[in-house]
C-alpha atoms as a PDB file:
ATOM      1  CA  UNK A   1     -43.825   5.722 -33.425  1.00  0.00           C
ATOM      2  CA  UNK A   2     -41.434   3.824 -35.627  1.00  0.00           C
ATOM      3  CA  UNK A   3     -38.574   6.059 -36.649  1.00  0.00           C
ATOM      4  CA  UNK A   4     -36.029   5.545 -39.369  1.00  0.00           C
ATOM      5  CA  UNK A   5     -33.134   4.958 -36.929  1.00  0.00           C
ATOM      6  CA  UNK A   6     -35.221   2.404 -35.025  1.00  0.00           C
ATOM      7  CA  UNK A   7     -35.942   0.249 -38.067  1.00  0.00           C
ATOM      8  CA  UNK A   8     -33.305  -0.442 -40.649  1.00  0.00           C
ATOM      9  CA  UNK A   9     -34.626   1.096 -43.858  1.00  0.00           C
ATOM     10  CA  UNK A  10     -32.150   0.587 -46.673  1.00  0.00           C
ATOM     11  CA  UNK A  11     -32.354   2.260 -50.062  1.00  0.00           C
ATOM     12  CA  UNK A  12     -30.886   0.518 -53.067  1.00  0.00           C
ATOM     13  CA  UNK A  13     -30.559   3.878 -54.857  1.00  0.00           C
ATOM     14  CA  UNK A  14     -30.486   7.562 -53.863  1.00  0.00           C
ATOM     15  CA  UNK A  15     -33.583   8.549 -51.887  1.00  0.00           C
ATOM     16  CA  UNK A  16     -34.925  10.730 -54.674  1.00  0.00           C
ATOM     17  CA  UNK A  17     -33.620   9.174 -57.865  1.00  0.00           C
ATOM     18  CA  UNK A  18     -34.515  11.050 -61.021  1.00  0.00           C
ATOM     19  CA  UNK A  19     -36.410   8.290 -62.820  1.00  0.00           C
ATOM     20  CA  UNK A  20     -37.749   6.030 -60.089  1.00  0.00           C
ATOM     21  CA  UNK A  21     -38.429   5.827 -56.381  1.00  0.00           C
ATOM     22  CA  UNK A  22     -35.963   3.842 -54.319  1.00  0.00           C
ATOM     23  CA  UNK A  23     -36.808   0.375 -52.991  1.00  0.00           C
ATOM     24  CA  UNK A  24     -37.092   0.160 -49.209  1.00  0.00           C
ATOM     25  CA  UNK A  25     -36.300  -2.782 -46.935  1.00  0.00           C
ATOM     26  CA  UNK A  26     -37.668  -2.631 -43.401  1.00  0.00           C
ATOM     27  CA  UNK A  27     -36.239  -5.013 -40.852  1.00  0.00           C
ATOM     28  CA  UNK A  28     -35.988  -4.916 -37.079  1.00  0.00           C
ATOM     29  CA  UNK A  29     -32.220  -5.146 -36.644  1.00  0.00           C
ATOM     30  CA  UNK A  30     -31.903  -1.759 -34.931  1.00  0.00           C
ATOM     31  CA  UNK A  31     -34.557  -2.477 -32.310  1.00  0.00           C
ATOM     32  CA  UNK A  32     -33.430  -3.904 -28.965  1.00  0.00           C
ATOM     33  CA  UNK A  33     -34.634  -7.423 -28.291  1.00  0.00           C
ATOM     34  CA  UNK A  34     -37.912  -7.258 -26.387  1.00  0.00           C
ATOM     35  CA  UNK A  35     -38.894  -3.864 -27.828  1.00  0.00           C
ATOM     36  CA  UNK A  36     -42.671  -3.608 -28.133  1.00  0.00           C
ATOM     37  CA  UNK A  37     -44.132  -2.520 -31.485  1.00  0.00           C
ATOM     38  CA  UNK A  38     -47.795  -1.958 -30.581  1.00  0.00           C
ATOM     39  CA  UNK A  39     -50.768  -1.679 -32.901  1.00  0.00           C
ATOM     40  CA  UNK A  40     -50.879   1.746 -34.529  1.00  0.00           C
ATOM     41  CA  UNK A  41     -47.107   2.094 -34.743  1.00  0.00           C
ATOM     42  CA  UNK A  42     -46.015   3.863 -37.928  1.00  0.00           C
ATOM     43  CA  UNK A  43     -42.963   5.293 -39.644  1.00  0.00           C
ATOM     44  CA  UNK A  44     -42.248   7.202 -42.847  1.00  0.00           C
ATOM     45  CA  UNK A  45     -39.542   6.547 -45.406  1.00  0.00           C
ATOM     46  CA  UNK A  46     -39.231   7.731 -49.019  1.00  0.00           C
ATOM     47  CA  UNK A  47     -42.525   9.560 -48.643  1.00  0.00           C
ATOM     48  CA  UNK A  48     -44.530   6.491 -47.581  1.00  0.00           C
ATOM     49  CA  UNK A  49     -46.009   6.114 -44.096  1.00  0.00           C
ATOM     50  CA  UNK A  50     -46.270   2.463 -43.068  1.00  0.00           C
ATOM     51  CA  UNK A  51     -48.615   1.579 -40.197  1.00  0.00           C
ATOM     52  CA  UNK A  52     -48.951  -1.709 -38.311  1.00  0.00           C
ATOM     53  CA  UNK A  53     -52.419  -2.716 -37.062  1.00  0.00           C
ATOM     54  CA  UNK A  54     -53.272  -5.731 -34.908  1.00  0.00           C
ATOM     55  CA  UNK A  55     -56.714  -7.152 -34.180  1.00  0.00           C
ATOM     56  CA  UNK A  56     -58.212 -10.276 -32.647  1.00  0.00           C
ATOM     57  CA  UNK A  57     -56.552 -12.353 -29.907  1.00  0.00           C
ATOM     58  CA  UNK A  58     -53.555 -10.069 -29.354  1.00  0.00           C
ATOM     59  CA  UNK A  59     -53.157 -10.249 -25.563  1.00  0.00           C
ATOM     60  CA  UNK A  60     -50.412 -12.875 -25.229  1.00  0.00           C
ATOM     61  CA  UNK A  61     -47.290 -11.961 -23.284  1.00  0.00           C
ATOM     62  CA  UNK A  62     -44.587 -10.542 -25.585  1.00  0.00           C
ATOM     63  CA  UNK A  63     -46.949 -10.274 -28.541  1.00  0.00           C
ATOM     64  CA  UNK A  64     -45.642  -7.921 -31.249  1.00  0.00           C
ATOM     65  CA  UNK A  65     -42.171  -7.611 -29.753  1.00  0.00           C
ATOM     66  CA  UNK A  66     -38.756  -7.827 -31.378  1.00  0.00           C
ATOM     67  CA  UNK A  67     -36.865 -11.083 -31.004  1.00  0.00           C
ATOM     68  CA  UNK A  68     -33.291 -11.927 -32.003  1.00  0.00           C
ATOM     69  CA  UNK A  69     -33.586 -15.134 -34.024  1.00  0.00           C
ATOM     70  CA  UNK A  70     -29.813 -15.334 -34.445  1.00  0.00           C
ATOM     71  CA  UNK A  71     -26.959 -13.027 -33.527  1.00  0.00           C
ATOM     72  CA  UNK A  72     -27.439 -11.194 -36.842  1.00  0.00           C
ATOM     73  CA  UNK A  73     -31.181 -11.540 -37.515  1.00  0.00           C
ATOM     74  CA  UNK A  74     -34.230 -10.137 -35.733  1.00  0.00           C
ATOM     75  CA  UNK A  75     -37.953 -10.376 -36.360  1.00  0.00           C
ATOM     76  CA  UNK A  76     -41.218  -8.970 -35.055  1.00  0.00           C
ATOM     77  CA  UNK A  77     -42.874 -11.862 -33.219  1.00  0.00           C
ATOM     78  CA  UNK A  78     -46.567 -12.584 -32.788  1.00  0.00           C
ATOM     79  CA  UNK A  79     -47.451 -14.963 -29.953  1.00  0.00           C
ATOM     80  CA  UNK A  80     -50.569 -17.054 -29.476  1.00  0.00           C
ATOM     81  CA  UNK A  81     -52.571 -17.072 -26.235  1.00  0.00           C
ATOM     82  CA  UNK A  82     -51.877 -20.785 -25.632  1.00  0.00           C
ATOM     83  CA  UNK A  83     -55.482 -21.553 -26.515  1.00  0.00           C
ATOM     84  CA  UNK A  84     -57.058 -23.522 -29.352  1.00  0.00           C
ATOM     85  CA  UNK A  85     -59.089 -21.753 -32.048  1.00  0.00           C
ATOM     86  CA  UNK A  86     -57.426 -18.387 -31.338  1.00  0.00           C
ATOM     87  CA  UNK A  87     -56.336 -15.946 -34.040  1.00  0.00           C
ATOM     88  CA  UNK A  88     -54.932 -12.476 -34.598  1.00  0.00           C
ATOM     89  CA  UNK A  89     -54.769 -10.464 -37.797  1.00  0.00           C
ATOM     90  CA  UNK A  90     -51.708  -8.407 -38.701  1.00  0.00           C
ATOM     91  CA  UNK A  91     -52.310  -5.555 -41.158  1.00  0.00           C
ATOM     92  CA  UNK A  92     -49.671  -3.408 -42.856  1.00  0.00           C
ATOM     93  CA  UNK A  93     -51.091  -0.161 -44.286  1.00  0.00           C
ATOM     94  CA  UNK A  94     -49.322   2.199 -46.695  1.00  0.00           C
ATOM     95  CA  UNK A  95     -50.159   5.881 -47.175  1.00  0.00           C
ATOM     96  CA  UNK A  96     -49.827   5.460 -50.941  1.00  0.00           C
ATOM     97  CA  UNK A  97     -49.840   2.590 -53.375  1.00  0.00           C
ATOM     98  CA  UNK A  98     -46.550   0.688 -53.338  1.00  0.00           C
ATOM     99  CA  UNK A  99     -45.243  -1.862 -55.797  1.00  0.00           C
ATOM    100  CA  UNK A 100     -43.174  -5.027 -55.562  1.00  0.00           C
ATOM    101  CA  UNK A 101     -44.283  -5.543 -51.960  1.00  0.00           C
ATOM    102  CA  UNK A 102     -42.866  -8.590 -50.155  1.00  0.00           C
ATOM    103  CA  UNK A 103     -43.493  -9.775 -46.587  1.00  0.00           C
ATOM    104  CA  UNK A 104     -41.210 -12.475 -45.189  1.00  0.00           C
ATOM    105  CA  UNK A 105     -43.115 -14.518 -42.564  1.00  0.00           C
ATOM    106  CA  UNK A 106     -41.002 -16.958 -40.571  1.00  0.00           C
ATOM    107  CA  UNK A 107     -41.214 -19.803 -38.056  1.00  0.00           C
ATOM    108  CA  UNK A 108     -44.570 -21.356 -38.969  1.00  0.00           C
ATOM    109  CA  UNK A 109     -44.242 -24.524 -36.864  1.00  0.00           C
ATOM    110  CA  UNK A 110     -45.990 -27.722 -35.887  1.00  0.00           C
ATOM    111  CA  UNK A 111     -45.493 -29.780 -32.714  1.00  0.00           C
ATOM    112  CA  UNK A 112     -47.643 -32.017 -30.540  1.00  0.00           C
ATOM    113  CA  UNK A 113     -48.647 -28.991 -28.437  1.00  0.00           C
ATOM    114  CA  UNK A 114     -49.429 -26.418 -31.164  1.00  0.00           C
ATOM    115  CA  UNK A 115     -50.229 -26.070 -34.844  1.00  0.00           C
ATOM    116  CA  UNK A 116     -49.458 -22.669 -36.417  1.00  0.00           C
ATOM    117  CA  UNK A 117     -51.698 -21.628 -39.312  1.00  0.00           C
ATOM    118  CA  UNK A 118     -51.324 -18.545 -41.541  1.00  0.00           C
ATOM    119  CA  UNK A 119     -54.117 -17.300 -43.797  1.00  0.00           C
ATOM    120  CA  UNK A 120     -53.389 -14.494 -46.258  1.00  0.00           C
ATOM    121  CA  UNK A 121     -56.476 -12.275 -46.481  1.00  0.00           C
ATOM    122  CA  UNK A 122     -55.271  -9.948 -49.253  1.00  0.00           C
ATOM    123  CA  UNK A 123     -55.700 -11.476 -52.703  1.00  0.00           C
ATOM    124  CA  UNK A 124     -53.251 -11.265 -55.577  1.00  0.00           C
ATOM    125  CA  UNK A 125     -50.114 -12.597 -53.904  1.00  0.00           C
ATOM    126  CA  UNK A 126     -47.562 -15.119 -55.011  1.00  0.00           C
ATOM    127  CA  UNK A 127     -45.869 -17.277 -52.400  1.00  0.00           C
ATOM    128  CA  UNK A 128     -42.409 -18.761 -52.132  1.00  0.00           C
ATOM    129  CA  UNK A 129     -42.496 -21.230 -49.255  1.00  0.00           C
ATOM    130  CA  UNK A 130     -40.012 -23.411 -47.446  1.00  0.00           C
ATOM    131  CA  UNK A 131     -39.868 -27.158 -47.989  1.00  0.00           C
ATOM    132  CA  UNK A 132     -41.733 -28.019 -44.773  1.00  0.00           C
ATOM    133  CA  UNK A 133     -44.751 -25.798 -45.453  1.00  0.00           C
ATOM    134  CA  UNK A 134     -48.026 -27.000 -46.944  1.00  0.00           C
ATOM    135  CA  UNK A 135     -51.122 -25.135 -48.108  1.00  0.00           C
ATOM    136  CA  UNK A 136     -51.576 -22.100 -50.331  1.00  0.00           C
ATOM    137  CA  UNK A 137     -52.443 -19.487 -47.691  1.00  0.00           C
ATOM    138  CA  UNK A 138     -56.186 -19.447 -48.408  1.00  0.00           C
ATOM    139  CA  UNK A 139     -58.811 -19.815 -45.686  1.00  0.00           C
ATOM    140  CA  UNK A 140     -59.525 -23.349 -46.879  1.00  0.00           C
ATOM    141  CA  UNK A 141     -55.825 -24.275 -47.111  1.00  0.00           C
ATOM    142  CA  UNK A 142     -53.723 -22.171 -44.695  1.00  0.00           C
ATOM    143  CA  UNK A 143     -49.958 -22.309 -44.663  1.00  0.00           C
ATOM    144  CA  UNK A 144     -48.975 -24.890 -42.043  1.00  0.00           C
ATOM    145  CA  UNK A 145     -45.905 -26.934 -41.204  1.00  0.00           C
ATOM    146  CA  UNK A 146     -45.174 -30.624 -40.985  1.00  0.00           C
ATOM    147  CA  UNK A 147     -42.511 -30.171 -38.304  1.00  0.00           C
ATOM    148  CA  UNK A 148     -40.855 -27.725 -35.919  1.00  0.00           C
ATOM    149  CA  UNK A 149     -37.878 -25.896 -37.407  1.00  0.00           C
ATOM    150  CA  UNK A 150     -34.949 -24.451 -35.493  1.00  0.00           C
ATOM    151  CA  UNK A 151     -34.756 -20.673 -35.175  1.00  0.00           C
ATOM    152  CA  UNK A 152     -33.066 -19.287 -38.264  1.00  0.00           C
ATOM    153  CA  UNK A 153     -34.030 -22.218 -40.496  1.00  0.00           C
ATOM    154  CA  UNK A 154     -35.768 -21.369 -43.777  1.00  0.00           C
ATOM    155  CA  UNK A 155     -37.838 -24.541 -44.214  1.00  0.00           C
ATOM    156  CA  UNK A 156     -40.834 -23.099 -42.319  1.00  0.00           C
ATOM    157  CA  UNK A 157     -40.799 -19.595 -43.839  1.00  0.00           C
ATOM    158  CA  UNK A 158     -42.884 -18.048 -46.591  1.00  0.00           C
ATOM    159  CA  UNK A 159     -42.337 -14.909 -48.679  1.00  0.00           C
ATOM    160  CA  UNK A 160     -45.507 -13.251 -49.959  1.00  0.00           C
ATOM    161  CA  UNK A 161     -45.283 -10.838 -52.905  1.00  0.00           C
ATOM    162  CA  UNK A 162     -47.850  -8.457 -54.398  1.00  0.00           C
ATOM    163  CA  UNK A 163     -47.318  -6.498 -57.618  1.00  0.00           C
ATOM    164  CA  UNK A 164     -48.934  -3.483 -55.929  1.00  0.00           C
ATOM    165  CA  UNK A 165     -50.906  -2.754 -52.765  1.00  0.00           C
ATOM    166  CA  UNK A 166     -52.027  -0.072 -50.328  1.00  0.00           C
ATOM    167  CA  UNK A 167     -52.840  -2.495 -47.497  1.00  0.00           C
ATOM    168  CA  UNK A 168     -52.195  -6.191 -46.867  1.00  0.00           C
ATOM    169  CA  UNK A 169     -53.020  -8.457 -43.977  1.00  0.00           C
ATOM    170  CA  UNK A 170     -52.671 -12.021 -42.796  1.00  0.00           C
ATOM    171  CA  UNK A 171     -54.114 -13.999 -39.889  1.00  0.00           C
ATOM    172  CA  UNK A 172     -52.045 -16.106 -37.488  1.00  0.00           C
ATOM    173  CA  UNK A 173     -54.139 -18.827 -35.839  1.00  0.00           C
ATOM    174  CA  UNK A 174     -54.051 -22.093 -33.921  1.00  0.00           C
ATOM    175  CA  UNK A 175     -56.060 -25.145 -34.899  1.00  0.00           C
ATOM    176  CA  UNK A 176     -58.533 -26.833 -32.563  1.00  0.00           C
ATOM    177  CA  UNK A 177     -55.916 -28.895 -30.723  1.00  0.00           C
ATOM    178  CA  UNK A 178     -54.774 -28.119 -27.168  1.00  0.00           C
ATOM    179  CA  UNK A 179     -52.041 -25.452 -27.176  1.00  0.00           C
ATOM    180  CA  UNK A 180     -49.055 -25.029 -24.842  1.00  0.00           C
ATOM    181  CA  UNK A 181     -45.511 -23.747 -25.220  1.00  0.00           C
ATOM    182  CA  UNK A 182     -46.097 -20.122 -26.304  1.00  0.00           C
ATOM    183  CA  UNK A 183     -46.212 -20.710 -30.075  1.00  0.00           C
ATOM    184  CA  UNK A 184     -45.370 -17.815 -32.367  1.00  0.00           C
ATOM    185  CA  UNK A 185     -44.533 -16.683 -35.876  1.00  0.00           C
ATOM    186  CA  UNK A 186     -42.356 -13.764 -36.981  1.00  0.00           C
ATOM    187  CA  UNK A 187     -42.353 -10.981 -39.547  1.00  0.00           C
ATOM    188  CA  UNK A 188     -38.726 -10.726 -40.707  1.00  0.00           C
ATOM    189  CA  UNK A 189     -38.831  -8.061 -43.442  1.00  0.00           C
ATOM    190  CA  UNK A 190     -41.113  -5.777 -45.402  1.00  0.00           C
ATOM    191  CA  UNK A 191     -39.784  -4.766 -48.839  1.00  0.00           C
ATOM    192  CA  UNK A 192     -41.504  -2.334 -51.219  1.00  0.00           C
ATOM    193  CA  UNK A 193     -40.973   0.387 -53.795  1.00  0.00           C
ATOM    194  CA  UNK A 194     -42.957   3.653 -53.534  1.00  0.00           C
ATOM    195  CA  UNK A 195     -44.899   4.630 -56.631  1.00  0.00           C
ATOM    196  CA  UNK A 196     -44.183   8.302 -55.957  1.00  0.00           C
ATOM    197  CA  UNK A 197     -41.801  10.128 -53.654  1.00  0.00           C
END
């Protein structure tokens, strides 16, 4: 189970402010590198239980484990099986409706041996993407990269924002080219505001 000490959850205001619920930022900075975060993991903060669900081709070594991108930044990584036409879907469920929800997805790369693709399955989002990313996140035009970015670079990242949601999910896939090199993407942060607390 995710616990508050294990994931950095930072309030921008007192936990039970009189007029509004406090925004929450979830990152993975307090997890040790290599920590597994398996499907079904959940935690509660400001009255909201957040649960991670994985489905599809999830059996790659180190899938859904914490990785230190830089000395000060960590992410939850999702690894491909080193096989073409493979995909896994990452779902984030909330026990109540939340607002101003943002997921920061990082390290969507392209190289001769892999071709990361990200499809956003939950409608109603806006996207702010790095300069090397193409596509709009739909099934007909996934987010994909034109190059391979160094760890910690922002050119191959995308932030997805929903005005409100109770569940969102996205699919990480490889195209139909041969795949080697253990390709991956990362989930850097989840930011939301509870609607009640």
